[in-house]
Amino acid sequence: MNNQNFEQAPQTQVPQNTQPKAPLFNNDMLGIISCTSGVISLGLGILSAVISNSVYGIATVGYVGSSYFKGVYGFSPVVGFIFNILALLLGALAVFLALKVGNERIRAGMPRGTIASLGLIFGIAGAFICFIALFFTSCNMCSICSMIP
């Protein structure tokens, strides 16, 4: 049973992939992070002003049925102040990443990019809202904390 059709095939060498993997945080991913943090900064800036002003009638939530919480409405203004600081940091991060990504793309000969531009716009708008909301949150926090005996 010596059949010549079953001869061993010659060994071929599989070419190795020599291209390095793309980094996880490339320009596209950093642009997306910039845009996302800018949108979150804008939302937290608006939310911090609403939360800090909730004691005076905006978005009040009364705790009915409990004698311990009788007359307590809304959130503490300290929560709004913390949200405001967090939103300010996220807005600064969005602006920094958007400028970094946009400048690297321009150096490479490409356009700045839509995501990086949106991150810059939302980051600046979020930081602006946070600077304005900082007055609401800090003034309301001081007035409420001074009323506590």
Protein backbone atom coordinates (compact mmCIF):
# COMPACT_ATOMS: atom_id res chain seq x y z
CA MET A 1 0.00 0.00 0.00
CA ASN A 2 2.46 2.44 -1.07
CA ASN A 3 0.39 5.31 -2.45
CA GLN A 4 2.08 8.43 -3.69
CA ASN A 5 -0.96 10.68 -3.19
CA PHE A 6 -0.40 10.63 0.56
CA GLU A 7 3.01 12.17 0.55
CA GLN A 8 3.79 14.73 3.16
CA ALA A 9 3.14 18.31 2.02
CA PRO A 10 6.07 20.68 2.20
CA GLN A 11 6.13 22.89 5.31
CA THR A 12 5.32 26.52 4.62
CA GLN A 13 6.22 29.29 6.98
CA VAL A 14 3.37 31.49 8.23
CA PRO A 15 4.27 35.17 7.98
CA GLN A 16 4.52 36.94 11.33
CA ASN A 17 2.48 40.07 11.92
CA THR A 18 5.10 42.68 12.69
CA GLN A 19 2.78 45.67 13.07
CA PRO A 20 2.47 46.88 16.67
CA LYS A 21 -0.95 47.09 18.26
CA ALA A 22 -2.59 50.48 18.33
CA PRO A 23 -2.57 52.08 21.79
CA LEU A 24 -5.82 52.03 23.73
CA PHE A 25 -5.87 55.78 24.36
CA ASN A 26 -5.25 57.05 20.85
CA ASN A 27 -6.48 60.43 19.57
CA ASP A 28 -9.95 59.14 18.78
CA MET A 29 -10.45 57.68 22.26
CA LEU A 30 -9.10 60.82 23.95
CA GLY A 31 -11.48 62.92 21.83
CA ILE A 32 -14.41 60.78 22.94
CA ILE A 33 -13.32 61.09 26.59
CA SER A 34 -13.03 64.86 26.13
CA CYS A 35 -16.52 65.17 24.65
CA THR A 36 -18.05 62.91 27.30
CA SER A 37 -16.45 64.74 30.20
CA GLY A 38 -17.54 68.07 28.71
CA VAL A 39 -21.16 66.96 28.50
CA ILE A 40 -21.04 65.55 32.05
CA SER A 41 -19.47 68.81 33.26
CA LEU A 42 -22.25 70.85 31.68
CA GLY A 43 -24.93 68.62 33.19
CA LEU A 44 -23.36 68.60 36.65
CA GLY A 45 -22.95 72.38 36.55
CA ILE A 46 -26.66 72.86 35.91
CA LEU A 47 -27.58 70.17 38.43
CA SER A 48 -25.42 71.74 41.14
CA ALA A 49 -27.21 75.08 40.81
CA VAL A 50 -30.61 73.37 40.96
CA ILE A 51 -29.64 71.24 43.96
CA SER A 52 -28.14 74.12 45.92
CA ASN A 53 -31.16 76.29 45.25
CA SER A 54 -33.65 73.54 46.11
CA VAL A 55 -33.99 74.89 49.65
CA TYR A 56 -35.66 78.02 48.28
CA GLY A 57 -38.32 76.35 46.19
CA ILE A 58 -36.74 74.92 43.03
CA ALA A 59 -37.05 71.13 42.90
CA THR A 60 -38.16 70.79 46.50
CA VAL A 61 -38.92 67.36 47.83
CA GLY A 62 -40.68 67.20 51.19
CA TYR A 63 -40.24 64.25 53.48
CA VAL A 64 -43.80 63.67 54.63
CA GLY A 65 -44.72 61.24 57.38
CA SER A 66 -41.60 61.41 59.47
CA SER A 67 -41.41 63.69 62.47
CA TYR A 68 -37.61 63.70 62.35
CA PHE A 69 -37.47 65.23 58.87
CA LYS A 70 -40.42 67.57 59.34
CA GLY A 71 -39.74 70.84 57.52
CA VAL A 72 -36.63 69.59 55.70
CA TYR A 73 -36.86 70.12 51.96
CA GLY A 74 -34.54 69.16 49.15
CA PHE A 75 -30.86 68.36 49.26
CA SER A 76 -28.12 69.88 51.31
CA PRO A 77 -26.35 72.75 49.51
CA VAL A 78 -23.07 71.01 50.32
CA VAL A 79 -24.00 68.31 47.79
CA GLY A 80 -24.47 70.99 45.14
CA PHE A 81 -21.10 72.51 46.03
CA ILE A 82 -19.37 69.11 45.69
CA PHE A 83 -21.09 68.54 42.33
CA ASN A 84 -19.94 71.98 41.23
CA ILE A 85 -16.29 71.29 42.08
CA LEU A 86 -16.47 67.91 40.33
CA ALA A 87 -18.05 69.52 37.26
CA LEU A 88 -15.36 72.21 37.19
CA LEU A 89 -12.62 69.56 37.22
CA LEU A 90 -14.33 67.58 34.44
CA GLY A 91 -14.71 70.75 32.37
CA ALA A 92 -11.01 71.52 32.75
CA LEU A 93 -10.17 67.94 31.75
CA ALA A 94 -12.40 68.22 28.68
CA VAL A 95 -10.74 71.45 27.54
CA PHE A 96 -7.23 70.06 28.12
CA LEU A 97 -7.88 66.82 26.23
CA ALA A 98 -9.65 68.61 23.38
CA LEU A 99 -6.73 70.99 22.89
CA LYS A 100 -4.23 68.12 23.09
CA VAL A 101 -6.07 65.95 20.57
CA GLY A 102 -6.79 68.85 18.22
CA ASN A 103 -3.18 70.03 18.19
CA GLU A 104 -1.84 66.52 17.56
CA ARG A 105 -4.24 66.05 14.65
CA ILE A 106 -3.24 69.41 13.16
CA ARG A 107 0.46 68.48 13.48
CA ALA A 108 -0.29 65.25 11.61
CA GLY A 109 -1.87 67.23 8.75
CA MET A 110 -5.46 66.23 9.52
CA PRO A 111 -8.36 68.50 10.46
CA ARG A 112 -9.01 69.16 14.14
CA GLY A 113 -11.95 66.77 14.26
CA THR A 114 -15.57 67.05 15.27
CA ILE A 115 -15.29 65.16 18.54
CA ALA A 116 -12.38 67.26 19.75
CA SER A 117 -14.21 70.45 18.80
CA LEU A 118 -17.34 69.31 20.61
CA GLY A 119 -15.26 68.43 23.66
CA LEU A 120 -13.77 71.92 23.62
CA ILE A 121 -17.19 73.57 23.28
CA PHE A 122 -18.86 71.48 25.99
CA GLY A 123 -15.85 71.81 28.29
CA ILE A 124 -15.82 75.62 28.02
CA ALA A 125 -19.61 75.79 28.45
CA GLY A 126 -19.43 73.45 31.46
CA ALA A 127 -16.65 75.48 33.09
CA PHE A 128 -18.57 78.72 32.45
CA ILE A 129 -21.75 77.30 33.98
CA CYS A 130 -19.73 76.04 36.95
CA PHE A 131 -18.19 79.45 37.59
CA ILE A 132 -21.66 80.99 37.65
CA ALA A 133 -23.13 78.15 39.71
CA LEU A 134 -20.26 78.45 42.19
CA PHE A 135 -21.85 81.65 43.48
CA PHE A 136 -25.21 79.92 43.95
CA THR A 137 -23.76 76.92 45.69
CA SER A 138 -21.36 78.75 47.98
CA CYS A 139 -23.82 81.49 48.99
CA ASN A 140 -26.62 78.99 49.63
CA MET A 141 -24.26 76.72 51.53
CA CYS A 142 -23.14 79.57 53.81
CA SER A 143 -26.69 80.80 54.41
CA ILE A 144 -28.05 77.34 55.23
CA CYS A 145 -25.11 76.36 57.41
CA SER A 146 -25.40 79.61 59.38
CA MET A 147 -29.08 78.87 60.15
CA ILE A 148 -28.24 75.55 61.79
CA PRO A 149 -28.13 76.08 65.59
